[in-house]
Each structure stands twice: as structure tokens, then as C-alpha cells.
Amino acid sequence: MNIAKRILVGIPVYNEANYINPVLSEVCKYTDDVLVVDDGSNDLTPALLAGHPVEVIRHSENRGYGRSLQDMFRWAAVDQFDWLITMDCDEQHEPAAIPRFVQAIMDDQSDIISGSRYLELHSENDMPPVDRQAINKQITSELNHALGFELTDAFCGFKAYRVSALAECTFDVNGYEFPLQLWVQAAAMQLRIEEIPVRLIYNDPTRTFGGPLDDPQERIDHYRAVLCRELGRYASQLPRAEERVPC
């Protein structure tokens, strides 16, 4: 018999006034425990958040996607949640998929349950910008080779984390490159990883990363630099260190 798990849903937001109301209204149908990290929004996001029964961490300035996730991990640990489900607030992650993550949590076979937009083809999938799909595929392939994984989607933010499994991890990457640090440390800590399919949705192909990462070559070079740094930091703990990608 499964013992009840305390599950927190965490949502990073930055200037998401167009999506806050419909997304949170839908998320709250599936859970009473929601934490929103407002990463320094300067639109109506803070005012709109006040209308929903959610906990809020507010950054005084924009600190980055990875920093928002780190804050969620700390909150979940201090408040003694067993699991944290993370998802985005731009309608690219469907709240209706939350029960699938909960079911995988209850199956109790993994430490990280990662959504994959490429694990299954879906007739309603959108076509992502070509450079994003190509970079995702390339970096995912390099991660798999370096770590012995079989991931199909290294960058999907729709995930579930066993909170206790992250206790020995040391995260300090604040930007969109955070998943590279996550995967290397997951391999070093020998965490169990599972992928489940989620829909591929790109409702705003004009959205950007901001700054140098908007250039595809700058982005892939930066991702590789972070990957190489993390591989070097954890080389002695990685089971396939001798097969790492060249750095």
C-alpha cells in the first residue's frame, strides 16, 4: 500500500500577466499546495498572484530560471514536502498532466521524473523553433554519451523531484543552463531517472532567452562550457568518467 506523499507544485514566473489567471486556476484544481517564484516581474504579475491561493516567493530583481528552481528546492525541503513538481506558467505545460506525474510518484520507482516532449509523437504537438529543437537534440545526445543516460529531452521544465534525493546536491547555476548541472549531479549521486511523455507546445515562438543566449551558437557554446565544468567537478563520482565528452 502506498503511503501518502506530500507533493508541492512549483511554478517560476517572470512577467506572465497574460497567463497567470488561467494557468493557476487550472493548477489549483489538482493540488492545494502551490508555490510561485516571481523572478522580479515588472508587469501585473505580482498583483494577479494575490488573487490566487498560492504561496509566493518574490525576487526583488530578475535572478534567473535556475535560481527560481533552487528556491523551490529549499522551500520544499524546509516545509518537509516529499516531492516537488515543477512546471512553467506560459501555457506550454498542461496542468492536466499533473496527475500523470503524481501516478509516477506513487509508483515510487524514480528520484527524478522528467517530462519529455519527444518521447512520443502526438498529433497536436506544435513545431518548435528549428534552432531550439536542434540544440536540445545535440546537447541531450552529448549528455547521454557523457553520463550513460538515455534521455530524449534534457531541457523540459515539467519535472518531479524526490526532495530527499536532492539533499546532497549543490546547485549554483542561476540561468537556463541549470538542467546541465542538474543532470551531471543526478548522475554523480546515482539518482534514478524516468521520463514520461508530455505535449510539445509552443504557443509563442517569438519568446527569447534574453541576452547572448538568443544567438544559437552562443547558446550551444555556453551549454557545453557549463557541461564541461560540471563534468570536471564530479569526474571522480561519475560511473562513465572515462567516456566523457571532450572539454
Protein backbone atom coordinates (compact mmCIF):
# COMPACT_ATOMS: atom_id res chain seq x y z
CA MET A 1 0.00 0.00 0.00
CA ASN A 2 1.37 3.42 -0.95
CA ILE A 3 1.95 5.86 1.89
CA ALA A 4 0.53 9.32 1.16
CA LYS A 5 3.14 11.71 -0.21
CA ARG A 6 3.24 15.45 0.37
CA ILE A 7 3.60 16.99 -3.09
CA LEU A 8 4.32 20.65 -3.84
CA VAL A 9 3.79 22.17 -7.28
CA GLY A 10 6.34 24.89 -8.01
CA ILE A 11 5.98 27.45 -10.81
CA PRO A 12 8.64 30.03 -11.77
CA VAL A 13 7.20 33.17 -13.33
CA TYR A 14 8.60 36.29 -14.94
CA ASN A 15 6.21 38.80 -16.50
CA GLU A 16 3.47 36.23 -17.04
CA ALA A 17 0.45 38.52 -16.57
CA ASN A 18 -1.18 37.11 -19.72
CA TYR A 19 -1.13 33.57 -18.34
CA ILE A 20 -1.24 33.75 -14.53
CA ASN A 21 -5.02 33.59 -14.11
CA PRO A 22 -5.87 30.69 -16.45
CA VAL A 23 -2.80 28.62 -15.51
CA LEU A 24 -3.14 28.97 -11.73
CA SER A 25 -6.89 28.46 -11.83
CA GLU A 26 -6.30 25.18 -13.63
CA VAL A 27 -3.36 24.07 -11.46
CA CYS A 28 -5.36 24.64 -8.28
CA LYS A 29 -7.90 22.07 -9.48
CA TYR A 30 -5.25 19.40 -8.96
CA THR A 31 -3.50 20.49 -5.76
CA ASP A 32 -3.79 22.75 -2.73
CA ASP A 33 -0.02 23.14 -2.39
CA VAL A 34 1.35 25.60 -4.94
CA LEU A 35 4.47 27.75 -4.69
CA VAL A 36 5.10 30.51 -7.23
CA VAL A 37 8.53 32.13 -7.50
CA ASP A 38 8.10 35.57 -9.05
CA ASP A 39 11.51 36.30 -10.53
CA GLY A 40 11.34 40.09 -10.40
CA SER A 41 8.32 40.64 -12.64
CA ASN A 42 7.66 44.28 -13.56
CA ASP A 43 4.22 43.80 -15.12
CA LEU A 44 0.92 42.97 -13.38
CA THR A 45 2.10 39.51 -12.32
CA PRO A 46 2.51 40.38 -8.58
CA ALA A 47 -0.96 41.90 -8.35
CA LEU A 48 -2.56 38.96 -10.14
CA LEU A 49 -0.81 36.43 -7.90
CA ALA A 50 -2.57 37.97 -4.91
CA GLY A 51 -5.86 36.67 -6.30
CA HIS A 52 -4.86 33.01 -6.04
CA PRO A 53 -4.46 30.68 -3.02
CA VAL A 54 -0.74 30.11 -3.58
CA GLU A 55 2.46 30.76 -1.67
CA VAL A 56 4.77 33.32 -3.28
CA ILE A 57 8.50 33.98 -3.18
CA ARG A 58 9.31 37.30 -4.84
CA HIS A 59 12.75 38.23 -6.11
CA SER A 60 13.47 41.95 -5.96
CA GLU A 61 15.20 41.62 -9.33
CA ASN A 62 15.39 39.05 -12.11
CA ARG A 63 17.80 36.34 -10.93
CA GLY A 64 17.18 33.58 -13.44
CA TYR A 65 15.30 30.36 -14.01
CA GLY A 66 17.82 28.19 -12.19
CA ARG A 67 17.75 30.43 -9.13
CA SER A 68 13.96 30.11 -9.01
CA LEU A 69 14.25 26.32 -9.01
CA GLN A 70 16.85 26.45 -6.23
CA ASP A 71 14.43 28.49 -4.12
CA MET A 72 11.71 25.88 -4.74
CA PHE A 73 14.02 23.05 -3.67
CA ARG A 74 14.85 24.85 -0.42
CA TRP A 75 11.21 25.65 0.32
CA ALA A 76 10.13 22.07 -0.34
CA ALA A 77 12.86 20.72 1.96
CA VAL A 78 12.21 23.13 4.82
CA ASP A 79 8.45 22.57 4.65
CA GLN A 80 9.05 18.79 4.57
CA PHE A 81 7.43 18.00 1.24
CA ASP A 82 8.25 14.60 -0.18
CA TRP A 83 8.11 15.66 -3.83
CA LEU A 84 8.27 18.83 -5.89
CA ILE A 85 6.61 19.05 -9.31
CA THR A 86 7.86 21.98 -11.40
CA MET A 87 6.11 23.43 -14.42
CA ASP A 88 6.09 26.65 -16.43
CA CYS A 89 3.39 29.31 -16.42
CA ASP A 90 3.22 30.21 -20.11
CA GLU A 91 0.67 27.51 -21.06
CA GLN A 92 3.41 25.35 -22.59
CA HIS A 93 2.90 22.81 -19.81
CA GLU A 94 -0.58 21.40 -19.34
CA PRO A 95 -1.84 21.31 -15.73
CA ALA A 96 -3.94 18.31 -16.81
CA ALA A 97 -0.67 16.33 -16.94
CA ILE A 98 -0.07 16.77 -13.19
CA PRO A 99 -1.95 13.52 -12.33
CA ARG A 100 0.44 11.57 -14.60
CA PHE A 101 3.36 12.84 -12.56
CA VAL A 102 1.52 12.03 -9.35
CA GLN A 103 0.92 8.48 -10.57
CA ALA A 104 4.61 8.08 -11.38
CA ILE A 105 5.43 9.41 -7.91
CA MET A 106 3.13 6.85 -6.33
CA ASP A 107 4.78 4.08 -8.34
CA ASP A 108 7.91 5.01 -6.36
CA GLN A 109 10.48 3.81 -8.89
CA SER A 110 12.41 7.04 -9.51
CA ASP A 111 14.04 10.07 -7.92
CA ILE A 112 13.55 12.42 -10.87
CA ILE A 113 10.56 12.10 -13.20
CA SER A 114 11.23 14.23 -16.25
CA GLY A 115 8.70 15.26 -18.84
CA SER A 116 9.73 14.63 -22.43
CA ARG A 117 8.27 16.42 -25.41
CA TYR A 118 9.93 13.94 -27.77
CA LEU A 119 9.29 10.59 -26.11
CA GLU A 120 6.03 10.11 -28.01
CA LEU A 121 4.69 11.75 -31.14
CA HIS A 122 1.38 13.50 -30.58
CA SER A 123 -0.94 14.69 -33.32
CA GLU A 124 -1.46 18.01 -31.51
CA ASN A 125 2.23 18.76 -30.98
CA ASP A 126 3.49 22.15 -32.13
CA MET A 127 6.62 22.67 -34.19
CA PRO A 128 9.33 24.36 -32.07
CA PRO A 129 11.79 26.88 -33.50
CA VAL A 130 14.32 24.90 -35.54
CA ASP A 131 17.37 26.07 -33.63
CA ARG A 132 15.85 25.18 -30.25
CA GLN A 133 14.98 21.66 -31.33
CA ALA A 134 18.41 21.13 -32.90
CA ILE A 135 20.30 22.41 -29.84
CA ASN A 136 18.13 20.37 -27.49
CA LYS A 137 18.80 17.24 -29.52
CA GLN A 138 22.55 17.88 -29.73
CA ILE A 139 23.06 18.68 -26.03
CA THR A 140 20.81 15.80 -24.98
CA SER A 141 22.95 13.46 -27.11
CA GLU A 142 26.17 14.79 -25.53
CA LEU A 143 24.70 14.41 -22.04
CA ASN A 144 23.68 10.84 -22.75
CA HIS A 145 27.15 9.98 -24.03
CA ALA A 146 28.86 11.61 -21.06
CA LEU A 147 26.60 10.24 -18.34
CA GLY A 148 25.30 6.95 -19.68
CA PHE A 149 21.73 8.25 -19.75
CA GLU A 150 19.02 7.61 -22.34
CA LEU A 151 17.21 10.93 -22.14
CA THR A 152 15.12 12.18 -25.03
CA ASP A 153 14.60 15.73 -23.72
CA ALA A 154 17.23 17.32 -21.47
CA PHE A 155 15.57 20.73 -21.16
CA CYS A 156 11.90 20.16 -20.36
CA GLY A 157 10.98 22.05 -17.18
CA PHE A 158 7.99 19.83 -16.39
CA LYS A 159 9.55 17.54 -13.78
CA ALA A 160 9.02 15.87 -10.43
CA TYR A 161 11.83 15.65 -7.89
CA ARG A 162 12.09 13.48 -4.79
CA VAL A 163 13.06 16.20 -2.31
CA SER A 164 15.25 13.98 -0.12
CA ALA A 165 17.23 12.86 -3.19
CA LEU A 166 18.44 16.42 -3.76
CA ALA A 167 19.86 16.83 -0.25
CA GLU A 168 23.47 16.20 -1.30
CA CYS A 169 23.27 18.25 -4.50
CA THR A 170 24.94 21.65 -4.68
CA PHE A 171 23.23 23.88 -7.22
CA ASP A 172 24.60 27.31 -8.13
CA VAL A 173 23.66 27.77 -11.80
CA ASN A 174 21.05 30.51 -11.99
CA GLY A 175 20.13 30.65 -15.67
CA TYR A 176 18.50 28.49 -18.33
CA GLU A 177 21.58 26.24 -18.36
CA PHE A 178 20.53 24.86 -14.95
CA PRO A 179 19.46 21.43 -16.36
CA LEU A 180 23.07 20.67 -17.31
CA GLN A 181 24.16 21.00 -13.69
CA LEU A 182 21.15 19.00 -12.56
CA TRP A 183 21.85 16.04 -14.84
CA VAL A 184 25.54 15.81 -14.01
CA GLN A 185 24.83 15.87 -10.29
CA ALA A 186 22.00 13.37 -10.71
CA ALA A 187 24.48 11.01 -12.36
CA ALA A 188 27.10 11.64 -9.67
CA MET A 189 24.55 10.91 -6.93
CA GLN A 190 23.28 7.87 -8.88
CA LEU A 191 19.69 9.11 -8.81
CA ARG A 192 17.05 7.06 -10.58
CA ILE A 193 15.60 8.86 -13.59
CA GLU A 194 12.40 8.26 -15.53
CA GLU A 195 10.89 10.11 -18.48
CA ILE A 196 7.18 10.41 -19.13
CA PRO A 197 5.64 11.95 -22.26
CA VAL A 198 4.20 15.47 -22.23
CA ARG A 199 2.83 17.51 -25.10
CA LEU A 200 5.12 19.71 -27.17
CA ILE A 201 3.52 23.16 -27.04
CA TYR A 202 5.00 26.39 -28.41
CA ASN A 203 2.26 29.00 -28.22
CA ASP A 204 4.66 31.96 -28.56
CA PRO A 205 7.57 31.20 -30.92
CA THR A 206 8.77 34.83 -30.56
CA ARG A 207 9.78 34.38 -26.91
CA THR A 208 13.50 34.70 -26.34
CA PHE A 209 16.10 33.70 -23.76
CA GLY A 210 17.39 37.25 -23.48
CA GLY A 211 20.95 38.47 -23.94
CA PRO A 212 23.68 36.42 -25.65
CA LEU A 213 21.70 33.16 -25.40
CA ASP A 214 19.39 34.40 -28.14
CA ASP A 215 22.21 33.60 -30.58
CA PRO A 216 22.07 29.83 -31.25
CA GLN A 217 25.85 29.39 -31.44
CA GLU A 218 26.42 31.41 -28.29
CA ARG A 219 23.79 29.28 -26.56
CA ILE A 220 25.23 25.90 -27.52
CA ASP A 221 28.77 27.06 -26.68
CA HIS A 222 27.58 28.23 -23.27
CA TYR A 223 25.73 24.99 -22.61
CA ARG A 224 28.83 22.97 -23.49
CA ALA A 225 31.01 25.13 -21.25
CA VAL A 226 28.70 24.55 -18.29
CA LEU A 227 28.53 20.82 -19.05
CA CYS A 228 32.32 20.53 -19.21
CA ARG A 229 32.74 22.44 -15.95
CA GLU A 230 30.28 20.18 -14.15
CA LEU A 231 31.83 17.03 -15.60
CA GLY A 232 35.18 18.19 -14.28
CA ARG A 233 33.79 18.91 -10.82
CA TYR A 234 32.23 15.46 -10.48
CA ALA A 235 34.58 13.32 -12.57
CA SER A 236 35.54 11.09 -9.63
CA GLN A 237 31.88 10.30 -8.91
CA LEU A 238 30.70 9.63 -12.44
CA PRO A 239 30.44 5.95 -13.39
CA ARG A 240 31.46 6.66 -17.02
CA ALA A 241 34.05 9.37 -16.42
CA GLU A 242 36.40 7.81 -18.96
CA GLU A 243 33.79 8.31 -21.68
CA ARG A 244 33.09 11.99 -21.04
CA VAL A 245 32.71 14.33 -23.96
CA PRO A 246 35.96 16.18 -24.77
CA CYS A 247 36.23 19.51 -22.99
